[in-house]
Amino acid sequence: MARSLSDWCYLGLYPPLHMLAVFTHSFRFEGSHHVPPTGPVLLVGNHQSYLDIPFMGLACPRRIHFLARKTLFDVPILGPVMTFFGTVPVDNVGFSRAGLSGILQELRQGHVVLVYPEGERSRDGRLAPLKPGVTLLIREVRCPVVPVGIAGAYEAWSRHRRWMRFAPPFLPWNPARVAVSVGRPIDGESLARLPRDAMLSLLADRIRECIVNADRLRRGRVGRRCGSPEESSGKSLGGSPGQSSGQSWEQPSEQSSEQPSGQSSGQAFDQAPAHSAGQPSGPPLPVRPSGDQVVSNSPQSPAGVC
């Protein structure tokens, strides 16, 4: 498939933005190999800051199509840039009919779309209740759903701060360091068969699990990876799809959203472990990459447009 001009511009932005993110916020990420290399993918993540968009874009090995409020398209310079990169406009109060149609169109064309089910930036840094609009997308397309968690973006630039806070890697550790953790994909067909409340509960659990792992990563602690305790410790945390031994999936149970399990012919579905709701305890540690924590610097996808 021939790449468009916006695709090439998107790819060209990845290396400089990745270096900038490392320099300004000691950025690290893990689990990028969990994103399926082809086909439609729906990324669902927590929304702490405007920084979520570029940092989650850097953690994904494929181009992401983002959402933005309709009012932002009226801003000079920003509006044309978002239009150029195919940003999907949505209403502040939820998915508009035109926005929902745009998202479905991108997914049906085999693209990756990132949505924030909370509907707005967090007011206290914690995951807010998810809005039900995301369930409409899952039931309509039934594509793989990949949870994504970010930690540190709220401390770096929350909705209450006028100016951004920085955390370069050459200075002592501070809470503004940012990390992203990408979880294993959840089978969209099985997820779509769950009741709405069970579906939202399962998505919230997977996102919280990724947030906890992202917080461990930015603190330099080695913890259980998001939804994948059986992976070998020698695998790169920020590797590309080719670094994994095979695409592993999670299949939610129709009887309970708390213990996804099951098996499908031709593809293995692993049971996801229960997450820990508590935050990492103890004093913060400086980020020191270990042998099994290697952040990918491969220029495969750039950040998106806010």
C-alpha atoms as a PDB file:
ATOM      1  CA  MET A   1       0.000   0.000   0.000  1.00  0.00           C
ATOM      2  CA  ALA A   2       1.457   3.346  -1.015  1.00  0.00           C
ATOM      3  CA  ARG A   3       2.039   5.756   1.835  1.00  0.00           C
ATOM      4  CA  SER A   4       0.463   9.193   1.726  1.00  0.00           C
ATOM      5  CA  LEU A   5       2.328  12.442   2.365  1.00  0.00           C
ATOM      6  CA  SER A   6       0.911  12.582   5.893  1.00  0.00           C
ATOM      7  CA  ASP A   7       2.224   9.038   6.535  1.00  0.00           C
ATOM      8  CA  TRP A   8       5.753  10.063   5.586  1.00  0.00           C
ATOM      9  CA  CYS A   9       5.536  13.235   7.668  1.00  0.00           C
ATOM     10  CA  TYR A  10       4.219  11.181  10.601  1.00  0.00           C
ATOM     11  CA  LEU A  11       7.117   8.730  10.332  1.00  0.00           C
ATOM     12  CA  GLY A  12       9.626  11.544   9.939  1.00  0.00           C
ATOM     13  CA  LEU A  13       8.527  13.123  13.228  1.00  0.00           C
ATOM     14  CA  TYR A  14       9.218  10.005  15.264  1.00  0.00           C
ATOM     15  CA  PRO A  15      13.034  10.224  15.774  1.00  0.00           C
ATOM     16  CA  PRO A  16      13.214  13.899  16.822  1.00  0.00           C
ATOM     17  CA  LEU A  17      10.149  13.652  19.062  1.00  0.00           C
ATOM     18  CA  HIS A  18      11.458  10.492  20.704  1.00  0.00           C
ATOM     19  CA  MET A  19      14.783  12.148  21.505  1.00  0.00           C
ATOM     20  CA  LEU A  20      12.972  15.226  22.779  1.00  0.00           C
ATOM     21  CA  ALA A  21      10.720  13.121  25.045  1.00  0.00           C
ATOM     22  CA  VAL A  22      13.720  11.329  26.545  1.00  0.00           C
ATOM     23  CA  PHE A  23      15.548  14.626  27.100  1.00  0.00           C
ATOM     24  CA  THR A  24      12.601  16.496  28.652  1.00  0.00           C
ATOM     25  CA  HIS A  25      10.818  13.739  30.621  1.00  0.00           C
ATOM     26  CA  SER A  26      13.172  10.719  30.717  1.00  0.00           C
ATOM     27  CA  PHE A  27      10.559   8.941  28.605  1.00  0.00           C
ATOM     28  CA  ARG A  28      10.431   5.147  28.612  1.00  0.00           C
ATOM     29  CA  PHE A  29       7.943   2.610  27.275  1.00  0.00           C
ATOM     30  CA  GLU A  30       7.302  -1.114  27.169  1.00  0.00           C
ATOM     31  CA  GLY A  31       5.069  -3.600  25.360  1.00  0.00           C
ATOM     32  CA  SER A  32       4.959  -2.026  21.895  1.00  0.00           C
ATOM     33  CA  HIS A  33       5.186  -5.536  20.422  1.00  0.00           C
ATOM     34  CA  HIS A  34       1.694  -6.207  21.805  1.00  0.00           C
ATOM     35  CA  VAL A  35       0.139  -4.044  19.086  1.00  0.00           C
ATOM     36  CA  PRO A  36      -0.917  -6.326  16.186  1.00  0.00           C
ATOM     37  CA  PRO A  37       1.248  -5.520  13.131  1.00  0.00           C
ATOM     38  CA  THR A  38      -1.696  -5.459  10.699  1.00  0.00           C
ATOM     39  CA  GLY A  39      -5.435  -4.924  10.686  1.00  0.00           C
ATOM     40  CA  PRO A  40      -7.690  -2.588  12.678  1.00  0.00           C
ATOM     41  CA  VAL A  41      -6.740  -1.978  16.310  1.00  0.00           C
ATOM     42  CA  LEU A  42      -8.524   0.062  18.974  1.00  0.00           C
ATOM     43  CA  LEU A  43      -6.204   1.464  21.645  1.00  0.00           C
ATOM     44  CA  VAL A  44      -7.888   2.464  24.909  1.00  0.00           C
ATOM     45  CA  GLY A  45      -5.887   4.495  27.406  1.00  0.00           C
ATOM     46  CA  ASN A  46      -6.077   6.757  30.430  1.00  0.00           C
ATOM     47  CA  HIS A  47      -6.013  10.521  29.865  1.00  0.00           C
ATOM     48  CA  GLN A  48      -3.817  12.483  32.285  1.00  0.00           C
ATOM     49  CA  SER A  49      -2.502  15.315  30.148  1.00  0.00           C
ATOM     50  CA  TYR A  50      -2.054  16.748  26.673  1.00  0.00           C
ATOM     51  CA  LEU A  51       1.260  14.856  26.754  1.00  0.00           C
ATOM     52  CA  ASP A  52      -0.616  11.544  26.527  1.00  0.00           C
ATOM     53  CA  ILE A  53      -1.108  11.945  22.777  1.00  0.00           C
ATOM     54  CA  PRO A  54       2.539  12.242  21.670  1.00  0.00           C
ATOM     55  CA  PHE A  55       3.893   9.837  24.301  1.00  0.00           C
ATOM     56  CA  MET A  56       1.379   7.083  23.484  1.00  0.00           C
ATOM     57  CA  GLY A  57       2.091   7.685  19.804  1.00  0.00           C
ATOM     58  CA  LEU A  58       5.786   7.079  20.446  1.00  0.00           C
ATOM     59  CA  ALA A  59       5.002   3.793  22.217  1.00  0.00           C
ATOM     60  CA  CYS A  60       3.044   2.384  19.258  1.00  0.00           C
ATOM     61  CA  PRO A  61       4.923   0.816  16.309  1.00  0.00           C
ATOM     62  CA  ARG A  62       2.142   1.818  13.885  1.00  0.00           C
ATOM     63  CA  ARG A  63       0.614   5.128  12.913  1.00  0.00           C
ATOM     64  CA  ILE A  64      -2.193   6.132  15.249  1.00  0.00           C
ATOM     65  CA  HIS A  65      -5.284   8.099  14.288  1.00  0.00           C
ATOM     66  CA  PHE A  66      -6.325  10.373  17.133  1.00  0.00           C
ATOM     67  CA  LEU A  67      -9.466  12.149  18.303  1.00  0.00           C
ATOM     68  CA  ALA A  68      -9.765  15.847  19.119  1.00  0.00           C
ATOM     69  CA  ARG A  69     -12.466  18.255  20.249  1.00  0.00           C
ATOM     70  CA  LYS A  70     -14.308  19.988  17.440  1.00  0.00           C
ATOM     71  CA  THR A  71     -13.417  23.415  18.833  1.00  0.00           C
ATOM     72  CA  LEU A  72      -9.686  22.758  18.345  1.00  0.00           C
ATOM     73  CA  PHE A  73     -10.164  22.605  14.591  1.00  0.00           C
ATOM     74  CA  ASP A  74     -10.998  26.334  14.646  1.00  0.00           C
ATOM     75  CA  VAL A  75      -7.604  27.234  16.147  1.00  0.00           C
ATOM     76  CA  PRO A  76      -5.248  28.807  13.559  1.00  0.00           C
ATOM     77  CA  ILE A  77      -2.355  26.541  12.474  1.00  0.00           C
ATOM     78  CA  LEU A  78      -3.421  23.737  14.853  1.00  0.00           C
ATOM     79  CA  GLY A  79      -6.680  23.072  13.005  1.00  0.00           C
ATOM     80  CA  PRO A  80      -5.092  22.639   9.547  1.00  0.00           C
ATOM     81  CA  VAL A  81      -2.322  20.473  11.026  1.00  0.00           C
ATOM     82  CA  MET A  82      -4.843  18.139  12.693  1.00  0.00           C
ATOM     83  CA  THR A  83      -6.832  17.952   9.470  1.00  0.00           C
ATOM     84  CA  PHE A  84      -3.652  17.092   7.529  1.00  0.00           C
ATOM     85  CA  PHE A  85      -2.892  14.190   9.890  1.00  0.00           C
ATOM     86  CA  GLY A  86      -6.454  12.837   9.742  1.00  0.00           C
ATOM     87  CA  THR A  87      -7.495  13.676  13.298  1.00  0.00           C
ATOM     88  CA  VAL A  88     -11.130  12.713  13.993  1.00  0.00           C
ATOM     89  CA  PRO A  89     -13.317  15.509  15.492  1.00  0.00           C
ATOM     90  CA  VAL A  90     -15.604  14.652  18.416  1.00  0.00           C
ATOM     91  CA  ASP A  91     -17.937  16.582  20.728  1.00  0.00           C
ATOM     92  CA  ASN A  92     -16.876  17.460  24.266  1.00  0.00           C
ATOM     93  CA  VAL A  93     -19.812  15.550  25.729  1.00  0.00           C
ATOM     94  CA  GLY A  94     -19.057  12.298  23.898  1.00  0.00           C
ATOM     95  CA  PHE A  95     -18.894  10.771  20.442  1.00  0.00           C
ATOM     96  CA  SER A  96     -20.791  12.826  17.903  1.00  0.00           C
ATOM     97  CA  ARG A  97     -22.450  11.030  15.010  1.00  0.00           C
ATOM     98  CA  ALA A  98     -19.844  12.426  12.603  1.00  0.00           C
ATOM     99  CA  GLY A  99     -17.027  11.549  15.019  1.00  0.00           C
ATOM    100  CA  LEU A 100     -18.279   8.004  15.509  1.00  0.00           C
ATOM    101  CA  SER A 101     -18.590   7.595  11.741  1.00  0.00           C
ATOM    102  CA  GLY A 102     -15.031   8.868  11.276  1.00  0.00           C
ATOM    103  CA  ILE A 103     -13.625   6.453  13.844  1.00  0.00           C
ATOM    104  CA  LEU A 104     -15.450   3.495  12.328  1.00  0.00           C
ATOM    105  CA  GLN A 105     -14.196   4.478   8.886  1.00  0.00           C
ATOM    106  CA  GLU A 106     -10.571   4.488  10.087  1.00  0.00           C
ATOM    107  CA  LEU A 107     -10.974   1.107  11.794  1.00  0.00           C
ATOM    108  CA  ARG A 108     -12.660  -0.464   8.761  1.00  0.00           C
ATOM    109  CA  GLN A 109      -9.705   0.687   6.661  1.00  0.00           C
ATOM    110  CA  GLY A 110      -7.411  -1.329   8.937  1.00  0.00           C
ATOM    111  CA  HIS A 111      -5.949   1.607  10.881  1.00  0.00           C
ATOM    112  CA  VAL A 112      -5.057   2.047  14.546  1.00  0.00           C
ATOM    113  CA  VAL A 113      -7.287   4.432  16.516  1.00  0.00           C
ATOM    114  CA  LEU A 114      -6.587   5.704  20.038  1.00  0.00           C
ATOM    115  CA  VAL A 115      -9.523   6.691  22.249  1.00  0.00           C
ATOM    116  CA  TYR A 116      -9.740   7.907  25.838  1.00  0.00           C
ATOM    117  CA  PRO A 117     -12.891   6.322  27.322  1.00  0.00           C
ATOM    118  CA  GLU A 118     -12.822   8.736  30.281  1.00  0.00           C
ATOM    119  CA  GLY A 119     -13.909  11.486  27.905  1.00  0.00           C
ATOM    120  CA  GLU A 120     -11.621  14.187  29.350  1.00  0.00           C
ATOM    121  CA  ARG A 121      -8.305  14.735  31.101  1.00  0.00           C
ATOM    122  CA  SER A 122      -8.133  13.416  34.648  1.00  0.00           C
ATOM    123  CA  ARG A 123      -8.783  15.925  37.426  1.00  0.00           C
ATOM    124  CA  ASP A 124      -6.680  14.113  40.030  1.00  0.00           C
ATOM    125  CA  GLY A 125      -4.361  11.842  38.027  1.00  0.00           C
ATOM    126  CA  ARG A 126      -6.446   8.714  38.658  1.00  0.00           C
ATOM    127  CA  LEU A 127      -8.545   6.782  36.161  1.00  0.00           C
ATOM    128  CA  ALA A 128     -12.088   8.181  36.044  1.00  0.00           C
ATOM    129  CA  PRO A 129     -15.170   6.045  35.246  1.00  0.00           C
ATOM    130  CA  LEU A 130     -15.251   5.075  31.571  1.00  0.00           C
ATOM    131  CA  LYS A 131     -17.928   6.493  29.281  1.00  0.00           C
ATOM    132  CA  PRO A 132     -20.099   3.911  27.458  1.00  0.00           C
ATOM    133  CA  GLY A 133     -19.367   5.327  23.981  1.00  0.00           C
ATOM    134  CA  VAL A 134     -16.365   3.017  23.561  1.00  0.00           C
ATOM    135  CA  THR A 135     -18.651  -0.033  23.794  1.00  0.00           C
ATOM    136  CA  LEU A 136     -20.420   1.073  20.608  1.00  0.00           C
ATOM    137  CA  LEU A 137     -17.109   1.016  18.720  1.00  0.00           C
ATOM    138  CA  ILE A 138     -16.169  -2.419  20.044  1.00  0.00           C
ATOM    139  CA  ARG A 139     -19.527  -3.948  19.159  1.00  0.00           C
ATOM    140  CA  GLU A 140     -19.544  -2.390  15.705  1.00  0.00           C
ATOM    141  CA  VAL A 141     -16.032  -3.332  14.549  1.00  0.00           C
ATOM    142  CA  ARG A 142     -15.051  -6.188  16.931  1.00  0.00           C
ATOM    143  CA  CYS A 143     -11.352  -5.627  16.329  1.00  0.00           C
ATOM    144  CA  PRO A 144      -8.522  -6.285  18.819  1.00  0.00           C
ATOM    145  CA  VAL A 145      -8.623  -3.896  21.776  1.00  0.00           C
ATOM    146  CA  VAL A 146      -5.251  -2.954  23.274  1.00  0.00           C
ATOM    147  CA  PRO A 147      -5.097  -1.298  26.733  1.00  0.00           C
ATOM    148  CA  VAL A 148      -2.497   1.436  27.255  1.00  0.00           C
ATOM    149  CA  GLY A 149      -1.454   3.109  30.494  1.00  0.00           C
ATOM    150  CA  ILE A 150       0.609   6.252  31.058  1.00  0.00           C
ATOM    151  CA  ALA A 151       2.143   7.430  34.335  1.00  0.00           C
ATOM    152  CA  GLY A 152       3.823  10.733  35.152  1.00  0.00           C
ATOM    153  CA  ALA A 153       2.029  12.871  32.562  1.00  0.00           C
ATOM    154  CA  TYR A 154      -0.298  14.297  35.216  1.00  0.00           C
ATOM    155  CA  GLU A 155       2.667  15.377  37.346  1.00  0.00           C
ATOM    156  CA  ALA A 156       4.399  16.798  34.272  1.00  0.00           C
ATOM    157  CA  TRP A 157       1.477  18.851  32.949  1.00  0.00           C
ATOM    158  CA  SER A 158      -1.928  18.392  34.539  1.00  0.00           C
ATOM    159  CA  ARG A 159      -5.001  20.375  33.581  1.00  0.00           C
ATOM    160  CA  HIS A 160      -4.371  22.491  36.702  1.00  0.00           C
ATOM    161  CA  ARG A 161      -0.846  23.563  35.707  1.00  0.00           C
ATOM    162  CA  ARG A 162      -0.211  26.492  33.398  1.00  0.00           C
ATOM    163  CA  TRP A 163       3.367  25.541  32.605  1.00  0.00           C
ATOM    164  CA  MET A 164       4.887  22.154  31.872  1.00  0.00           C
ATOM    165  CA  ARG A 165       7.212  20.516  34.405  1.00  0.00           C
ATOM    166  CA  PHE A 166      10.375  18.822  33.105  1.00  0.00           C
ATOM    167  CA  ALA A 167      12.385  15.821  34.317  1.00  0.00           C
ATOM    168  CA  PRO A 168      15.616  15.367  32.285  1.00  0.00           C
ATOM    169  CA  PRO A 169      17.443  12.051  32.776  1.00  0.00           C
ATOM    170  CA  PHE A 170      20.632  13.775  33.986  1.00  0.00           C
ATOM    171  CA  LEU A 171      18.874  15.358  36.995  1.00  0.00           C
ATOM    172  CA  PRO A 172      17.714  13.622  40.203  1.00  0.00           C
ATOM    173  CA  TRP A 173      14.479  11.663  39.940  1.00  0.00           C
ATOM    174  CA  ASN A 174      11.239  13.629  40.158  1.00  0.00           C
ATOM    175  CA  PRO A 175       7.578  12.650  39.566  1.00  0.00           C
ATOM    176  CA  ALA A 176       7.439  14.359  36.163  1.00  0.00           C
ATOM    177  CA  ARG A 177       9.240  11.425  34.534  1.00  0.00           C
ATOM    178  CA  VAL A 178       6.860   9.732  32.083  1.00  0.00           C
ATOM    179  CA  ALA A 179       6.450   6.106  31.031  1.00  0.00           C
ATOM    180  CA  VAL A 180       3.914   4.188  28.923  1.00  0.00           C
ATOM    181  CA  SER A 181       2.976   0.514  29.209  1.00  0.00           C
ATOM    182  CA  VAL A 182       1.108  -1.285  26.404  1.00  0.00           C
ATOM    183  CA  GLY A 183      -0.881  -4.364  27.391  1.00  0.00           C
ATOM    184  CA  ARG A 184      -1.750  -7.505  25.465  1.00  0.00           C
ATOM    185  CA  PRO A 185      -4.647  -7.232  22.995  1.00  0.00           C
ATOM    186  CA  ILE A 186      -8.083  -8.371  24.121  1.00  0.00           C
ATOM    187  CA  ASP A 187     -10.154 -10.363  21.648  1.00  0.00           C
ATOM    188  CA  GLY A 188     -12.782  -7.984  20.279  1.00  0.00           C
ATOM    189  CA  GLU A 189     -15.291 -10.689  19.355  1.00  0.00           C
ATOM    190  CA  SER A 190     -15.456 -12.053  22.896  1.00  0.00           C
ATOM    191  CA  LEU A 191     -15.389  -8.588  24.436  1.00  0.00           C
ATOM    192  CA  ALA A 192     -18.345  -7.458  22.308  1.00  0.00           C
ATOM    193  CA  ARG A 193     -20.507 -10.284  23.689  1.00  0.00           C
ATOM    194  CA  LEU A 194     -20.199  -9.003  27.277  1.00  0.00           C
ATOM    195  CA  PRO A 195     -22.866  -6.770  28.837  1.00  0.00           C
ATOM    196  CA  ARG A 196     -22.008  -3.092  28.726  1.00  0.00           C
ATOM    197  CA  ASP A 197     -21.128  -2.744  32.422  1.00  0.00           C
ATOM    198  CA  ALA A 198     -18.991  -5.898  32.377  1.00  0.00           C
ATOM    199  CA  MET A 199     -17.172  -4.656  29.279  1.00  0.00           C
ATOM    200  CA  LEU A 200     -16.402  -1.280  30.867  1.00  0.00           C
ATOM    201  CA  SER A 201     -15.262  -2.972  34.078  1.00  0.00           C
ATOM    202  CA  LEU A 202     -12.881  -5.265  32.208  1.00  0.00           C
ATOM    203  CA  LEU A 203     -11.418  -2.384  30.171  1.00  0.00           C
ATOM    204  CA  ALA A 204     -10.922  -0.304  33.334  1.00  0.00           C
ATOM    205  CA  ASP A 205      -9.128  -3.200  35.045  1.00  0.00           C
ATOM    206  CA  ARG A 206      -6.753  -3.677  32.087  1.00  0.00           C
ATOM    207  CA  ILE A 207      -6.010   0.051  31.851  1.00  0.00           C
ATOM    208  CA  ARG A 208      -5.321   0.284  35.605  1.00  0.00           C
ATOM    209  CA  GLU A 209      -2.954  -2.677  35.333  1.00  0.00           C
ATOM    210  CA  CYS A 210      -1.024  -0.887  32.595  1.00  0.00           C
ATOM    211  CA  ILE A 211      -0.909   2.331  34.652  1.00  0.00           C
ATOM    212  CA  VAL A 212       0.650   0.427  37.562  1.00  0.00           C
ATOM    213  CA  ASN A 213       3.273  -1.093  35.251  1.00  0.00           C
ATOM    214  CA  ALA A 214       4.016   2.284  33.659  1.00  0.00           C
ATOM    215  CA  ASP A 215       4.564   3.750  37.134  1.00  0.00           C
ATOM    216  CA  ARG A 216       6.977   0.930  37.976  1.00  0.00           C
ATOM    217  CA  LEU A 217       8.828   1.546  34.733  1.00  0.00           C
ATOM    218  CA  ARG A 218       9.316   5.274  35.265  1.00  0.00           C
ATOM    219  CA  ARG A 219      10.599   4.565  38.783  1.00  0.00           C
ATOM    220  CA  GLY A 220      13.130   2.069  37.443  1.00  0.00           C
ATOM    221  CA  ARG A 221      11.509  -0.903  39.151  1.00  0.00           C
ATOM    222  CA  VAL A 222      11.157  -4.302  37.502  1.00  0.00           C
ATOM    223  CA  GLY A 223       7.559  -5.460  37.838  1.00  0.00           C
ATOM    224  CA  ARG A 224       5.076  -7.819  36.214  1.00  0.00           C
ATOM    225  CA  ARG A 225       4.362  -6.697  32.689  1.00  0.00           C
ATOM    226  CA  CYS A 226       0.880  -5.705  31.720  1.00  0.00           C
ATOM    227  CA  GLY A 227      -1.154  -8.885  31.216  1.00  0.00           C
ATOM    228  CA  SER A 228       1.870 -11.051  30.438  1.00  0.00           C
ATOM    229  CA  PRO A 229       3.579 -12.666  33.461  1.00  0.00           C
ATOM    230  CA  GLU A 230       4.730 -15.638  31.438  1.00  0.00           C
ATOM    231  CA  GLU A 231       7.009 -13.672  29.128  1.00  0.00           C
ATOM    232  CA  SER A 232      10.696 -14.350  29.573  1.00  0.00           C
ATOM    233  CA  SER A 233      12.674 -11.750  31.505  1.00  0.00           C
ATOM    234  CA  GLY A 234      15.241 -11.475  28.745  1.00  0.00           C
ATOM    235  CA  LYS A 235      12.853  -9.993  26.190  1.00  0.00           C
ATOM    236  CA  SER A 236      13.079  -6.327  25.296  1.00  0.00           C
ATOM    237  CA  LEU A 237      10.331  -4.276  26.918  1.00  0.00           C
ATOM    238  CA  GLY A 238      10.122  -1.820  24.094  1.00  0.00           C
ATOM    239  CA  GLY A 239      10.615  -4.211  21.209  1.00  0.00           C
ATOM    240  CA  SER A 240       8.919  -4.301  17.866  1.00  0.00           C
ATOM    241  CA  PRO A 241       6.393  -6.936  16.824  1.00  0.00           C
ATOM    242  CA  GLY A 242       9.151  -9.029  15.358  1.00  0.00           C
ATOM    243  CA  GLN A 243      10.821  -9.410  18.757  1.00  0.00           C
ATOM    244  CA  SER A 244       8.045 -11.430  20.311  1.00  0.00           C
ATOM    245  CA  SER A 245       7.762 -15.157  19.871  1.00  0.00           C
ATOM    246  CA  GLY A 246       4.110 -14.828  18.861  1.00  0.00           C
ATOM    247  CA  GLN A 247       1.084 -12.623  19.239  1.00  0.00           C
ATOM    248  CA  SER A 248      -0.654 -13.487  22.515  1.00  0.00           C
ATOM    249  CA  TRP A 249      -4.233 -12.520  23.158  1.00  0.00           C
ATOM    250  CA  GLU A 250      -6.682 -12.246  26.009  1.00  0.00           C
ATOM    251  CA  GLN A 251     -10.226 -13.531  25.667  1.00  0.00           C
ATOM    252  CA  PRO A 252     -12.765 -12.273  28.226  1.00  0.00           C
ATOM    253  CA  SER A 253     -15.212 -14.726  29.713  1.00  0.00           C
ATOM    254  CA  GLU A 254     -18.873 -14.135  28.980  1.00  0.00           C
ATOM    255  CA  GLN A 255     -19.793 -15.211  32.516  1.00  0.00           C
ATOM    256  CA  SER A 256     -17.433 -12.853  34.343  1.00  0.00           C
ATOM    257  CA  SER A 257     -15.365  -9.854  33.417  1.00  0.00           C
ATOM    258  CA  GLU A 258     -12.943 -10.506  36.244  1.00  0.00           C
ATOM    259  CA  GLN A 259     -11.421 -13.765  34.955  1.00  0.00           C
ATOM    260  CA  PRO A 260     -10.992 -13.821  31.192  1.00  0.00           C
ATOM    261  CA  SER A 261     -10.255 -17.274  29.848  1.00  0.00           C
ATOM    262  CA  GLY A 262     -11.107 -19.641  27.080  1.00  0.00           C
ATOM    263  CA  GLN A 263      -9.634 -21.013  23.885  1.00  0.00           C
ATOM    264  CA  SER A 264     -10.349 -20.558  20.212  1.00  0.00           C
ATOM    265  CA  SER A 265      -9.339 -22.814  17.358  1.00  0.00           C
ATOM    266  CA  GLY A 266      -6.198 -21.692  15.609  1.00  0.00           C
ATOM    267  CA  GLN A 267      -5.222 -19.102  18.221  1.00  0.00           C
ATOM    268  CA  ALA A 268      -4.245 -19.305  21.865  1.00  0.00           C
ATOM    269  CA  PHE A 269      -5.908 -17.050  24.412  1.00  0.00           C
ATOM    270  CA  ASP A 270      -4.066 -16.691  27.689  1.00  0.00           C
ATOM    271  CA  GLN A 271      -5.757 -15.932  30.978  1.00  0.00           C
ATOM    272  CA  ALA A 272      -4.888 -12.452  32.211  1.00  0.00           C
ATOM    273  CA  PRO A 273      -3.714 -12.138  35.821  1.00  0.00           C
ATOM    274  CA  ALA A 274      -5.516  -9.988  38.348  1.00  0.00           C
ATOM    275  CA  HIS A 275      -3.972  -6.579  38.780  1.00  0.00           C
ATOM    276  CA  SER A 276      -2.955  -4.846  41.944  1.00  0.00           C
ATOM    277  CA  ALA A 277      -4.948  -1.711  42.621  1.00  0.00           C
ATOM    278  CA  GLY A 278      -2.354  -0.222  44.970  1.00  0.00           C
ATOM    279  CA  GLN A 279       0.388   2.104  43.857  1.00  0.00           C
ATOM    280  CA  PRO A 280       4.050   1.145  44.213  1.00  0.00           C
ATOM    281  CA  SER A 281       5.270   1.817  47.738  1.00  0.00           C
ATOM    282  CA  GLY A 282       8.615   3.084  48.942  1.00  0.00           C
ATOM    283  CA  PRO A 283      10.761   6.047  47.973  1.00  0.00           C
ATOM    284  CA  PRO A 284      11.223   6.778  44.278  1.00  0.00           C
ATOM    285  CA  LEU A 285      14.270   5.286  42.653  1.00  0.00           C
ATOM    286  CA  PRO A 286      16.351   6.711  39.823  1.00  0.00           C
ATOM    287  CA  VAL A 287      15.626   5.191  36.429  1.00  0.00           C
ATOM    288  CA  ARG A 288      18.357   2.736  35.588  1.00  0.00           C
ATOM    289  CA  PRO A 289      17.603   0.416  32.675  1.00  0.00           C
ATOM    290  CA  SER A 290      18.425  -3.182  33.494  1.00  0.00           C
ATOM    291  CA  GLY A 291      19.229  -6.040  31.199  1.00  0.00           C
ATOM    292  CA  ASP A 292      15.577  -6.900  30.597  1.00  0.00           C
ATOM    293  CA  GLN A 293      14.376  -3.323  30.239  1.00  0.00           C
ATOM    294  CA  VAL A 294      15.366  -2.027  26.850  1.00  0.00           C
ATOM    295  CA  VAL A 295      13.462   0.908  25.451  1.00  0.00           C
ATOM    296  CA  SER A 296      13.038   0.698  21.722  1.00  0.00           C
ATOM    297  CA  ASN A 297      14.543   3.531  19.689  1.00  0.00           C
ATOM    298  CA  SER A 298      13.382   2.115  16.411  1.00  0.00           C
ATOM    299  CA  PRO A 299      11.851   4.905  14.295  1.00  0.00           C
ATOM    300  CA  GLN A 300       8.650   3.098  13.456  1.00  0.00           C
ATOM    301  CA  SER A 301       5.943   5.562  14.416  1.00  0.00           C
ATOM    302  CA  PRO A 302       5.865   9.196  15.475  1.00  0.00           C
ATOM    303  CA  ALA A 303       3.648  10.972  17.899  1.00  0.00           C
ATOM    304  CA  GLY A 304       0.249  12.285  17.016  1.00  0.00           C
ATOM    305  CA  VAL A 305      -1.183  15.734  16.846  1.00  0.00           C
ATOM    306  CA  CYS A 306      -2.823  17.219  19.938  1.00  0.00           C
END
